[in-house]
Amino acid sequence: MHFEIIGEISDVETFASGSAIRELPRLRKIYGRGNWRKRKGIARIRLNDGSERLAELHWYEAAGIGKKEYKIKRYID
């Protein structure tokens, strides 16, 4: 991960779950079976250069497995 989340993630919503996730076979192979959901939210992050930005993040999440593979989709400010 090339950034660090430095606050709470707000405005969290699920926008894909189960078979609607294109990466589902890969997620199951790497992390195991679970009720996988693709989620998004807004958080303040710190980049490698030390700067802080507000960004929209996407990640995968499953009960009992946790949040995996955060990625920055766009910067808000």
C-alpha atoms as a PDB file:
ATOM      1  CA  MET A   1       0.000   0.000   0.000  1.00  0.00           C
ATOM      2  CA  HIS A   2       1.538   3.339  -1.023  1.00  0.00           C
ATOM      3  CA  PHE A   3      -0.614   5.365   1.375  1.00  0.00           C
ATOM      4  CA  GLU A   4      -1.786   5.307   4.984  1.00  0.00           C
ATOM      5  CA  ILE A   5      -5.359   5.934   6.128  1.00  0.00           C
ATOM      6  CA  ILE A   6      -5.148   8.548   8.894  1.00  0.00           C
ATOM      7  CA  GLY A   7      -8.801   9.000   9.792  1.00  0.00           C
ATOM      8  CA  GLU A   8     -12.100   7.229   9.799  1.00  0.00           C
ATOM      9  CA  ILE A   9     -13.680   6.171   6.527  1.00  0.00           C
ATOM     10  CA  SER A  10     -16.986   7.989   6.042  1.00  0.00           C
ATOM     11  CA  ASP A  11     -19.877   7.697   3.565  1.00  0.00           C
ATOM     12  CA  VAL A  12     -19.266   3.945   3.228  1.00  0.00           C
ATOM     13  CA  GLU A  13     -21.449   2.108   0.754  1.00  0.00           C
ATOM     14  CA  THR A  14     -21.488  -1.284  -0.942  1.00  0.00           C
ATOM     15  CA  PHE A  15     -21.711  -1.157  -4.715  1.00  0.00           C
ATOM     16  CA  ALA A  16     -21.111  -4.815  -5.652  1.00  0.00           C
ATOM     17  CA  SER A  17     -21.498  -8.128  -3.861  1.00  0.00           C
ATOM     18  CA  GLY A  18     -21.236 -11.830  -4.608  1.00  0.00           C
ATOM     19  CA  SER A  19     -21.114 -12.759  -8.284  1.00  0.00           C
ATOM     20  CA  ALA A  20     -21.285  -9.071  -9.321  1.00  0.00           C
ATOM     21  CA  ILE A  21     -17.607  -8.783  -8.308  1.00  0.00           C
ATOM     22  CA  ARG A  22     -15.393  -9.535 -11.323  1.00  0.00           C
ATOM     23  CA  GLU A  23     -12.430 -10.423  -9.093  1.00  0.00           C
ATOM     24  CA  LEU A  24     -14.364 -12.965  -6.995  1.00  0.00           C
ATOM     25  CA  PRO A  25     -12.443 -16.108  -8.073  1.00  0.00           C
ATOM     26  CA  ARG A  26      -9.109 -14.382  -7.368  1.00  0.00           C
ATOM     27  CA  LEU A  27     -10.288 -13.119  -3.955  1.00  0.00           C
ATOM     28  CA  ARG A  28     -11.469 -16.595  -2.966  1.00  0.00           C
ATOM     29  CA  LYS A  29      -8.194 -18.158  -4.089  1.00  0.00           C
ATOM     30  CA  ILE A  30      -6.029 -15.681  -2.139  1.00  0.00           C
ATOM     31  CA  TYR A  31      -8.108 -14.979   0.996  1.00  0.00           C
ATOM     32  CA  GLY A  32     -10.710 -17.766   1.137  1.00  0.00           C
ATOM     33  CA  ARG A  33     -14.433 -18.129   0.745  1.00  0.00           C
ATOM     34  CA  GLY A  34     -16.659 -15.494   2.262  1.00  0.00           C
ATOM     35  CA  ASN A  35     -19.522 -13.135   1.597  1.00  0.00           C
ATOM     36  CA  TRP A  36     -17.394 -10.717  -0.451  1.00  0.00           C
ATOM     37  CA  ARG A  37     -18.503  -7.134  -1.032  1.00  0.00           C
ATOM     38  CA  LYS A  38     -16.855  -4.307  -2.951  1.00  0.00           C
ATOM     39  CA  ARG A  39     -17.173  -1.088  -0.965  1.00  0.00           C
ATOM     40  CA  LYS A  40     -16.237   2.570  -1.244  1.00  0.00           C
ATOM     41  CA  GLY A  41     -15.856   5.485   1.145  1.00  0.00           C
ATOM     42  CA  ILE A  42     -14.132   8.806   1.791  1.00  0.00           C
ATOM     43  CA  ALA A  43     -11.053   9.103   4.029  1.00  0.00           C
ATOM     44  CA  ARG A  44      -8.076  11.331   4.731  1.00  0.00           C
ATOM     45  CA  ILE A  45      -4.863   9.604   3.650  1.00  0.00           C
ATOM     46  CA  ARG A  46      -1.126  10.263   3.914  1.00  0.00           C
ATOM     47  CA  LEU A  47       0.908   9.595   0.778  1.00  0.00           C
ATOM     48  CA  ASN A  48       4.547   8.392   0.691  1.00  0.00           C
ATOM     49  CA  ASP A  49       5.803  11.957   0.196  1.00  0.00           C
ATOM     50  CA  GLY A  50       4.148  13.003   3.493  1.00  0.00           C
ATOM     51  CA  SER A  51       1.305  15.010   1.949  1.00  0.00           C
ATOM     52  CA  GLU A  52      -2.239  14.492   3.184  1.00  0.00           C
ATOM     53  CA  ARG A  53      -5.244  14.314   0.844  1.00  0.00           C
ATOM     54  CA  LEU A  54      -8.921  13.525   1.031  1.00  0.00           C
ATOM     55  CA  ALA A  55      -9.664  10.606  -1.286  1.00  0.00           C
ATOM     56  CA  GLU A  56     -12.326   8.172  -2.396  1.00  0.00           C
ATOM     57  CA  LEU A  57     -11.143   4.656  -1.559  1.00  0.00           C
ATOM     58  CA  HIS A  58     -12.367   1.296  -2.856  1.00  0.00           C
ATOM     59  CA  TRP A  59     -11.709  -2.046  -1.158  1.00  0.00           C
ATOM     60  CA  TYR A  60     -12.984  -5.612  -0.830  1.00  0.00           C
ATOM     61  CA  GLU A  61     -14.454  -6.859   2.447  1.00  0.00           C
ATOM     62  CA  ALA A  62     -15.778 -10.156   3.790  1.00  0.00           C
ATOM     63  CA  ALA A  63     -17.055 -11.139   7.234  1.00  0.00           C
ATOM     64  CA  GLY A  64     -14.429 -13.042   9.177  1.00  0.00           C
ATOM     65  CA  ILE A  65     -11.712 -12.036   6.695  1.00  0.00           C
ATOM     66  CA  GLY A  66     -11.741  -8.244   6.914  1.00  0.00           C
ATOM     67  CA  LYS A  67     -10.925  -5.383   4.554  1.00  0.00           C
ATOM     68  CA  LYS A  68      -8.447  -6.128   1.766  1.00  0.00           C
ATOM     69  CA  GLU A  69      -6.787  -4.355  -1.154  1.00  0.00           C
ATOM     70  CA  TYR A  70      -7.477  -0.671  -0.597  1.00  0.00           C
ATOM     71  CA  LYS A  71      -7.011   1.532  -3.647  1.00  0.00           C
ATOM     72  CA  ILE A  72      -7.349   5.247  -4.337  1.00  0.00           C
ATOM     73  CA  LYS A  73      -9.990   5.922  -6.978  1.00  0.00           C
ATOM     74  CA  ARG A  74      -9.853   9.736  -6.948  1.00  0.00           C
ATOM     75  CA  TYR A  75      -8.726  12.691  -4.876  1.00  0.00           C
ATOM     76  CA  ILE A  76     -11.473  14.913  -3.458  1.00  0.00           C
ATOM     77  CA  ASP A  77      -9.448  18.045  -2.608  1.00  0.00           C
END
